[in-house]
Each structure stands twice: as structure tokens, then as C-alpha cells.
Amino acid sequence: MQQSLINIWVLALSTMIEGMRHKALWAIVVFAIIISMTNIFVTNLFSYDLGKVSIEFGLSSVALTGLLLVFFLGMKILADDLEHNRIYMLISRPVSVGQYITGKFFGLGLILLIGTTIIGLGSTLSMKYVLFRYAPFVPPDFSWTTYVMALSCQWMSLLVVLAVSFLCFCFAKQPFVALLLAVSSYLVGQNLELLRRVINENPYTGALAGQEKLVFALSWIFPNLSYFDKKSVAAYGLLFSGQEFLFLCLYCISYCALMLYLATLLFNRKELA
């Protein structure tokens, strides 16, 4: 057990170092910082609710940057391991497939944490400037604690997307196919709650009428990423309880663990094929 934890930690640390050295990481971070700074200029285009626009724009920049890191950096690192046969060198040693996948996931999760922190800091500085300059437009119930919790939820949603990407990578034979599957899973998970509401509340849904069971089944297969979208909650100063935040943490941990377990099973079968 101790050796397994050491192997996972070494793999996570090496993955994080590899990602930090990757040019794509810093290109994405610079792009995200530029987007965060444009928060100041975009807000000036609105004549009302400037504070709410600034908050939502800042959190959206974090989400966009995180997705770029997952799809173009995380999957690139996995594809490079397979292309350069580094994965076979690791597995030939006393490192199991499960340890490899878990270590890679934790390493990329740390990169996402660093990226989210950097972009979140840039967004926070631009937001503080906007809220200071346009003090009358600050939401009356705005809370920095709620904003930090919403930012944490963005990171957890990225971890879920990353775990799904691992499953797609172990399922598909080509990295490009895995990327398409991961992006499709993200789009479905992001709009699943909206689809459920449309079917349940709108009797005129056309071909989707009477498909409540299908949507319910999809909600158990794909991640419901709308649960983690707390931009409106932070922007409008709505109630965000610690109990709900704890539920989201448990949801993230359990879903990621399930995806990594399935990814390990698929990769074992992929190796035996």
C-alpha cells in the first residue's frame, strides 16, 4: 500500500513538472490572463449590472482556460506517453495500470489547480478594479466567500471533465477520437439539466416528448456539469450553503473515482488485445 502511494505520488509529480515545462501551458495561461484583463473593457460596454457582468465574465474565463488545459494539454501528455512508448516503460516496472492512470490524473489535476489559481487571481484583480470603479453597481449581497466557492466549483467541474477524458482516452484507439468523445461528453453534461427541464416543464418538445426516462438514464451516465456552474449564484449574491458545496465535493470525488476505475479496466483490456 505504501509503495503504491509512492508510485502514484512520483507519477503525479513528474506529470506536473512535464506539464509546467510544456509550451502549451504557458500559451494558454497568457491567453487567459489577456481575457481576464479584457474584463475591464468588456464591462464598459454595458450600461447596467456592471458588477454582475464582471463577475460572470471572470468565472467564465476560468472555465474556458480550464477546458483548454484539459483538452489540449492533458490529452496531449497522455498521447505523447503512448506515442513515445513511455507508458510501456512505466508499466514494465512495478507500476500497475491503475497507479499510472491515478498518478497521471493527480498530476494533471495539480496543473489545473495551478492554472485555475493563476487565472482566478487575474480575474479577481480585474473584478476588484471594476467593482471599485463602479461601486453603485456592486450586487447588494455579493460575497467574496461565495465567489471563492464558485471558483472551487469550476475547478471541480474541470476535474470531472478530466476524468471523463481519461476514460475516453482508454476507450478510443486514436487520440483525436478520444478528444472528440471528451468534447461531446462535456457538451452533453453541460446541457443535460437544461434538457431535463425542457422535457419536464414544456409539453411541446416535439420528438423529445415522453423521453423523460431516456434523459434520466443519460443523467446517470454523463456528468451533470451544470451542478458546478455557480456563476449566477456568485454574480447575484444568491445563497450557496456549505452543505451544497460539500455535496458537490462528494459528487466530484465519487464520479472521478468511478471514471478512473473504468478507465483502468478498459486500458487493461486494451493492452491484452
Protein backbone atom coordinates (compact mmCIF):
# COMPACT_ATOMS: atom_id res chain seq x y z
CA MET A 1 0.00 0.00 0.00
CA GLN A 2 2.77 2.41 0.90
CA GLN A 3 4.68 1.59 -2.28
CA SER A 4 1.52 2.18 -4.33
CA LEU A 5 1.09 5.64 -2.82
CA ILE A 6 4.75 6.41 -3.51
CA ASN A 7 4.37 5.34 -7.15
CA ILE A 8 1.24 7.48 -7.56
CA TRP A 9 2.93 10.49 -5.95
CA VAL A 10 6.05 10.15 -8.15
CA LEU A 11 3.93 9.87 -11.29
CA ALA A 12 1.81 12.86 -10.25
CA LEU A 13 4.87 14.98 -9.54
CA SER A 14 6.58 14.03 -12.81
CA THR A 15 3.39 14.74 -14.75
CA MET A 16 3.04 18.14 -13.12
CA ILE A 17 6.67 19.01 -13.92
CA GLU A 18 6.21 17.83 -17.51
CA GLY A 19 3.09 19.96 -17.85
CA MET A 20 4.79 23.01 -16.34
CA ARG A 21 7.55 22.71 -18.94
CA HIS A 22 5.09 22.40 -21.80
CA LYS A 23 4.82 25.47 -24.00
CA ALA A 24 1.11 24.94 -24.47
CA LEU A 25 0.50 25.53 -20.76
CA TRP A 26 2.04 28.97 -20.70
CA ALA A 27 0.48 29.92 -24.03
CA ILE A 28 -2.93 29.09 -22.59
CA VAL A 29 -2.18 30.91 -19.33
CA VAL A 30 -1.06 34.06 -21.18
CA PHE A 31 -4.19 33.86 -23.32
CA ALA A 32 -6.32 33.52 -20.19
CA ILE A 33 -4.65 36.48 -18.48
CA ILE A 34 -5.37 38.60 -21.55
CA ILE A 35 -9.00 37.50 -21.42
CA SER A 36 -9.14 38.38 -17.72
CA MET A 37 -7.79 41.84 -18.39
CA THR A 38 -10.36 42.38 -21.15
CA ASN A 39 -12.90 42.10 -18.36
CA ILE A 40 -12.28 45.78 -17.69
CA PHE A 41 -13.03 46.79 -21.28
CA VAL A 42 -15.97 44.43 -21.84
CA THR A 43 -17.70 45.69 -18.71
CA ASN A 44 -17.63 49.23 -20.08
CA LEU A 45 -19.83 48.10 -22.97
CA PHE A 46 -22.76 47.60 -20.59
CA SER A 47 -24.82 50.37 -19.07
CA TYR A 48 -26.26 48.36 -16.16
CA ASP A 49 -25.38 45.41 -13.89
CA LEU A 50 -21.69 46.08 -14.43
CA GLY A 51 -20.70 44.19 -11.29
CA LYS A 52 -22.66 41.09 -12.27
CA VAL A 53 -21.24 41.14 -15.79
CA SER A 54 -17.70 41.43 -14.43
CA ILE A 55 -18.16 38.51 -12.01
CA GLU A 56 -19.67 36.19 -14.61
CA PHE A 57 -17.05 37.14 -17.19
CA GLY A 58 -14.25 36.41 -14.72
CA LEU A 59 -15.58 32.96 -13.82
CA SER A 60 -16.25 32.18 -17.49
CA SER A 61 -12.62 32.96 -18.35
CA VAL A 62 -11.53 30.43 -15.71
CA ALA A 63 -13.84 27.77 -17.16
CA LEU A 64 -12.65 28.40 -20.73
CA THR A 65 -9.00 28.25 -19.74
CA GLY A 66 -9.50 25.05 -17.78
CA LEU A 67 -11.17 23.34 -20.75
CA LEU A 68 -8.26 24.31 -22.99
CA LEU A 69 -5.87 22.82 -20.43
CA VAL A 70 -7.84 19.57 -20.27
CA PHE A 71 -8.37 19.06 -23.99
CA PHE A 72 -5.14 20.42 -25.44
CA LEU A 73 -2.59 19.85 -22.68
CA GLY A 74 -3.87 16.92 -20.64
CA MET A 75 -4.75 14.71 -23.59
CA LYS A 76 -1.56 15.77 -25.38
CA ILE A 77 0.52 14.47 -22.46
CA LEU A 78 -1.37 11.16 -22.48
CA ALA A 79 -0.99 10.84 -26.25
CA ASP A 80 2.75 11.56 -26.02
CA ASP A 81 3.18 8.79 -23.44
CA LEU A 82 1.51 6.34 -25.80
CA GLU A 83 3.23 7.61 -28.94
CA HIS A 84 6.75 7.56 -27.47
CA ASN A 85 6.14 4.25 -25.66
CA ARG A 86 6.86 5.83 -22.26
CA ILE A 87 3.79 4.14 -20.84
CA TYR A 88 5.20 0.69 -21.61
CA MET A 89 8.44 1.57 -19.84
CA LEU A 90 6.47 2.53 -16.73
CA ILE A 91 4.17 -0.48 -16.73
CA SER A 92 7.09 -2.86 -17.25
CA ARG A 93 8.34 -1.70 -13.86
CA PRO A 94 6.47 -2.40 -10.60
CA VAL A 95 3.82 0.18 -11.54
CA SER A 96 0.30 -1.04 -12.26
CA VAL A 97 -2.06 0.44 -14.83
CA GLY A 98 -4.27 1.77 -12.05
CA GLN A 99 -1.32 3.53 -10.42
CA TYR A 100 -0.28 5.02 -13.75
CA ILE A 101 -3.76 6.39 -14.51
CA THR A 102 -4.27 7.68 -10.97
CA GLY A 103 -0.84 9.32 -10.86
CA LYS A 104 -1.37 10.99 -14.24
CA PHE A 105 -4.79 12.21 -13.15
CA PHE A 106 -3.47 13.74 -9.93
CA GLY A 107 -0.59 15.37 -11.79
CA LEU A 108 -2.89 16.96 -14.36
CA GLY A 109 -5.29 17.88 -11.56
CA LEU A 110 -2.47 19.81 -9.89
CA ILE A 111 -1.79 21.61 -13.18
CA LEU A 112 -5.47 22.53 -13.36
CA LEU A 113 -5.29 23.79 -9.78
CA ILE A 114 -2.28 25.97 -10.56
CA GLY A 115 -3.88 27.26 -13.75
CA THR A 116 -7.20 27.95 -12.01
CA THR A 117 -5.39 29.80 -9.22
CA ILE A 118 -3.42 31.98 -11.65
CA ILE A 119 -6.42 32.78 -13.83
CA GLY A 120 -8.66 33.21 -10.80
CA LEU A 121 -6.21 35.69 -9.32
CA GLY A 122 -6.12 37.66 -12.58
CA SER A 123 -9.91 37.65 -12.80
CA THR A 124 -10.19 38.70 -9.17
CA LEU A 125 -7.88 41.68 -9.67
CA SER A 126 -9.83 42.85 -12.72
CA MET A 127 -13.10 42.34 -10.84
CA LYS A 128 -11.88 44.30 -7.83
CA TYR A 129 -10.95 47.16 -10.15
CA VAL A 130 -14.38 47.12 -11.81
CA LEU A 131 -16.25 46.83 -8.51
CA PHE A 132 -14.15 49.65 -7.03
CA ARG A 133 -14.63 51.90 -10.05
CA TYR A 134 -18.36 51.21 -10.36
CA ALA A 135 -19.27 50.86 -6.70
CA PRO A 136 -23.00 51.65 -7.23
CA PHE A 137 -23.29 48.55 -9.45
CA VAL A 138 -21.89 46.10 -6.91
CA PRO A 139 -24.52 43.37 -6.22
CA PRO A 140 -26.06 44.10 -2.80
CA ASP A 141 -25.49 40.57 -1.45
CA PHE A 142 -22.14 39.94 -3.13
CA SER A 143 -19.77 37.80 -1.04
CA TRP A 144 -16.14 37.03 -1.73
CA THR A 145 -16.60 33.74 0.13
CA THR A 146 -19.29 32.71 -2.33
CA TYR A 147 -17.04 33.78 -5.20
CA VAL A 148 -14.18 31.58 -3.94
CA MET A 149 -16.60 28.67 -3.53
CA ALA A 150 -17.84 29.22 -7.10
CA LEU A 151 -14.23 29.28 -8.30
CA SER A 152 -13.61 26.00 -6.47
CA CYS A 153 -16.66 24.52 -8.18
CA GLN A 154 -15.19 25.48 -11.54
CA TRP A 155 -12.03 23.53 -10.65
CA MET A 156 -14.06 20.51 -9.55
CA SER A 157 -16.02 20.54 -12.81
CA LEU A 158 -12.72 20.54 -14.68
CA LEU A 159 -11.58 17.52 -12.66
CA VAL A 160 -14.76 15.70 -13.70
CA VAL A 161 -14.14 16.58 -17.35
CA LEU A 162 -10.53 15.42 -16.97
CA ALA A 163 -11.67 12.08 -15.54
CA VAL A 164 -14.08 11.62 -18.46
CA SER A 165 -11.22 12.44 -20.83
CA PHE A 166 -9.15 9.66 -19.26
CA LEU A 167 -11.99 7.22 -19.87
CA CYS A 168 -12.32 8.36 -23.49
CA PHE A 169 -8.55 8.05 -23.97
CA CYS A 170 -8.54 4.46 -22.69
CA PHE A 171 -11.61 3.60 -24.79
CA ALA A 172 -10.58 5.08 -28.16
CA LYS A 173 -7.72 3.83 -30.29
CA GLN A 174 -6.81 7.25 -31.68
CA PRO A 175 -6.15 10.39 -29.56
CA PHE A 176 -8.24 12.52 -31.95
CA VAL A 177 -11.23 10.23 -31.49
CA ALA A 178 -10.73 10.41 -27.72
CA LEU A 179 -10.71 14.21 -27.95
CA LEU A 180 -13.99 14.23 -29.90
CA LEU A 181 -15.59 11.89 -27.37
CA ALA A 182 -14.40 14.02 -24.46
CA VAL A 183 -15.70 17.25 -26.02
CA SER A 184 -19.03 15.59 -26.82
CA SER A 185 -19.34 14.32 -23.25
CA TYR A 186 -18.67 17.82 -21.96
CA LEU A 187 -21.34 19.35 -24.20
CA VAL A 188 -23.90 16.75 -23.12
CA GLY A 189 -23.05 17.14 -19.44
CA GLN A 190 -23.18 20.93 -19.63
CA ASN A 191 -26.68 20.96 -21.15
CA LEU A 192 -28.18 17.88 -19.51
CA GLU A 193 -30.01 19.77 -16.76
CA LEU A 194 -31.44 22.25 -19.29
CA LEU A 195 -32.69 19.36 -21.44
CA ARG A 196 -34.30 17.73 -18.41
CA ARG A 197 -36.15 20.93 -17.51
CA VAL A 198 -37.34 21.45 -21.08
CA ILE A 199 -38.79 17.94 -21.28
CA ASN A 200 -40.40 18.04 -17.82
CA GLU A 201 -41.81 21.56 -17.99
CA ASN A 202 -42.62 22.04 -21.68
CA PRO A 203 -45.33 19.81 -23.19
CA TYR A 204 -44.42 20.93 -26.72
CA THR A 205 -40.98 19.38 -27.10
CA GLY A 206 -41.57 17.64 -30.42
CA ALA A 207 -39.52 14.48 -30.84
CA LEU A 208 -38.32 14.74 -27.23
CA ALA A 209 -41.81 14.44 -25.80
CA GLY A 210 -42.15 11.46 -23.48
CA GLN A 211 -38.39 10.86 -23.30
CA GLU A 212 -38.09 11.51 -19.57
CA LYS A 213 -36.70 8.03 -18.91
CA LEU A 214 -34.04 8.46 -21.57
CA VAL A 215 -32.91 11.77 -20.12
CA PHE A 216 -32.95 10.25 -16.64
CA ALA A 217 -30.71 7.41 -17.87
CA LEU A 218 -28.35 9.89 -19.51
CA SER A 219 -28.11 11.82 -16.24
CA TRP A 220 -26.65 8.70 -14.63
CA ILE A 221 -24.15 8.16 -17.44
CA PHE A 222 -22.90 11.65 -18.24
CA PRO A 223 -21.73 14.10 -15.57
CA ASN A 224 -24.21 16.84 -14.74
CA LEU A 225 -21.77 19.72 -15.03
CA SER A 226 -24.49 22.33 -14.55
CA TYR A 227 -24.38 21.49 -10.83
CA PHE A 228 -20.93 23.08 -10.67
CA ASP A 229 -21.89 26.20 -12.62
CA LYS A 230 -22.24 28.80 -9.87
CA LYS A 231 -21.53 31.94 -11.90
CA SER A 232 -25.05 33.29 -11.45
CA VAL A 233 -25.00 32.44 -7.75
CA ALA A 234 -21.83 34.45 -7.22
CA ALA A 235 -22.92 37.29 -9.52
CA TYR A 236 -26.34 37.80 -7.94
CA GLY A 237 -25.26 37.11 -4.37
CA LEU A 238 -27.58 34.12 -4.00
CA LEU A 239 -27.42 31.65 -1.15
CA PHE A 240 -24.73 28.97 -1.53
CA SER A 241 -24.71 26.78 1.54
CA GLY A 242 -21.79 24.78 2.83
CA GLN A 243 -23.93 21.66 2.68
CA GLU A 244 -24.44 22.08 -1.07
CA PHE A 245 -20.72 22.71 -1.53
CA LEU A 246 -19.93 19.52 0.41
CA PHE A 247 -22.37 17.59 -1.78
CA LEU A 248 -20.59 18.86 -4.90
CA CYS A 249 -17.23 17.80 -3.44
CA LEU A 250 -18.55 14.28 -2.81
CA TYR A 251 -20.09 14.17 -6.27
CA CYS A 252 -16.76 15.18 -7.84
CA ILE A 253 -14.75 12.63 -5.85
CA SER A 254 -17.13 9.73 -6.46
CA TYR A 255 -17.57 10.42 -10.18
CA CYS A 256 -13.83 10.84 -10.77
CA ALA A 257 -13.11 7.63 -8.86
CA LEU A 258 -15.65 5.74 -10.97
CA MET A 259 -14.25 7.12 -14.24
CA LEU A 260 -10.67 6.23 -13.27
CA TYR A 261 -11.75 2.72 -12.26
CA LEU A 262 -13.50 2.18 -15.59
CA ALA A 263 -10.52 3.68 -17.42
CA THR A 264 -8.23 1.18 -15.70
CA LEU A 265 -10.44 -1.74 -16.74
CA LEU A 266 -10.60 -0.52 -20.34
CA PHE A 267 -6.85 0.05 -20.53
CA ASN A 268 -6.15 -3.44 -19.20
CA ARG A 269 -8.34 -4.91 -21.92
CA LYS A 270 -6.77 -2.59 -24.46
CA GLU A 271 -3.31 -3.88 -23.51
CA LEU A 272 -4.43 -7.51 -23.70
CA ALA A 273 -5.93 -7.02 -27.13
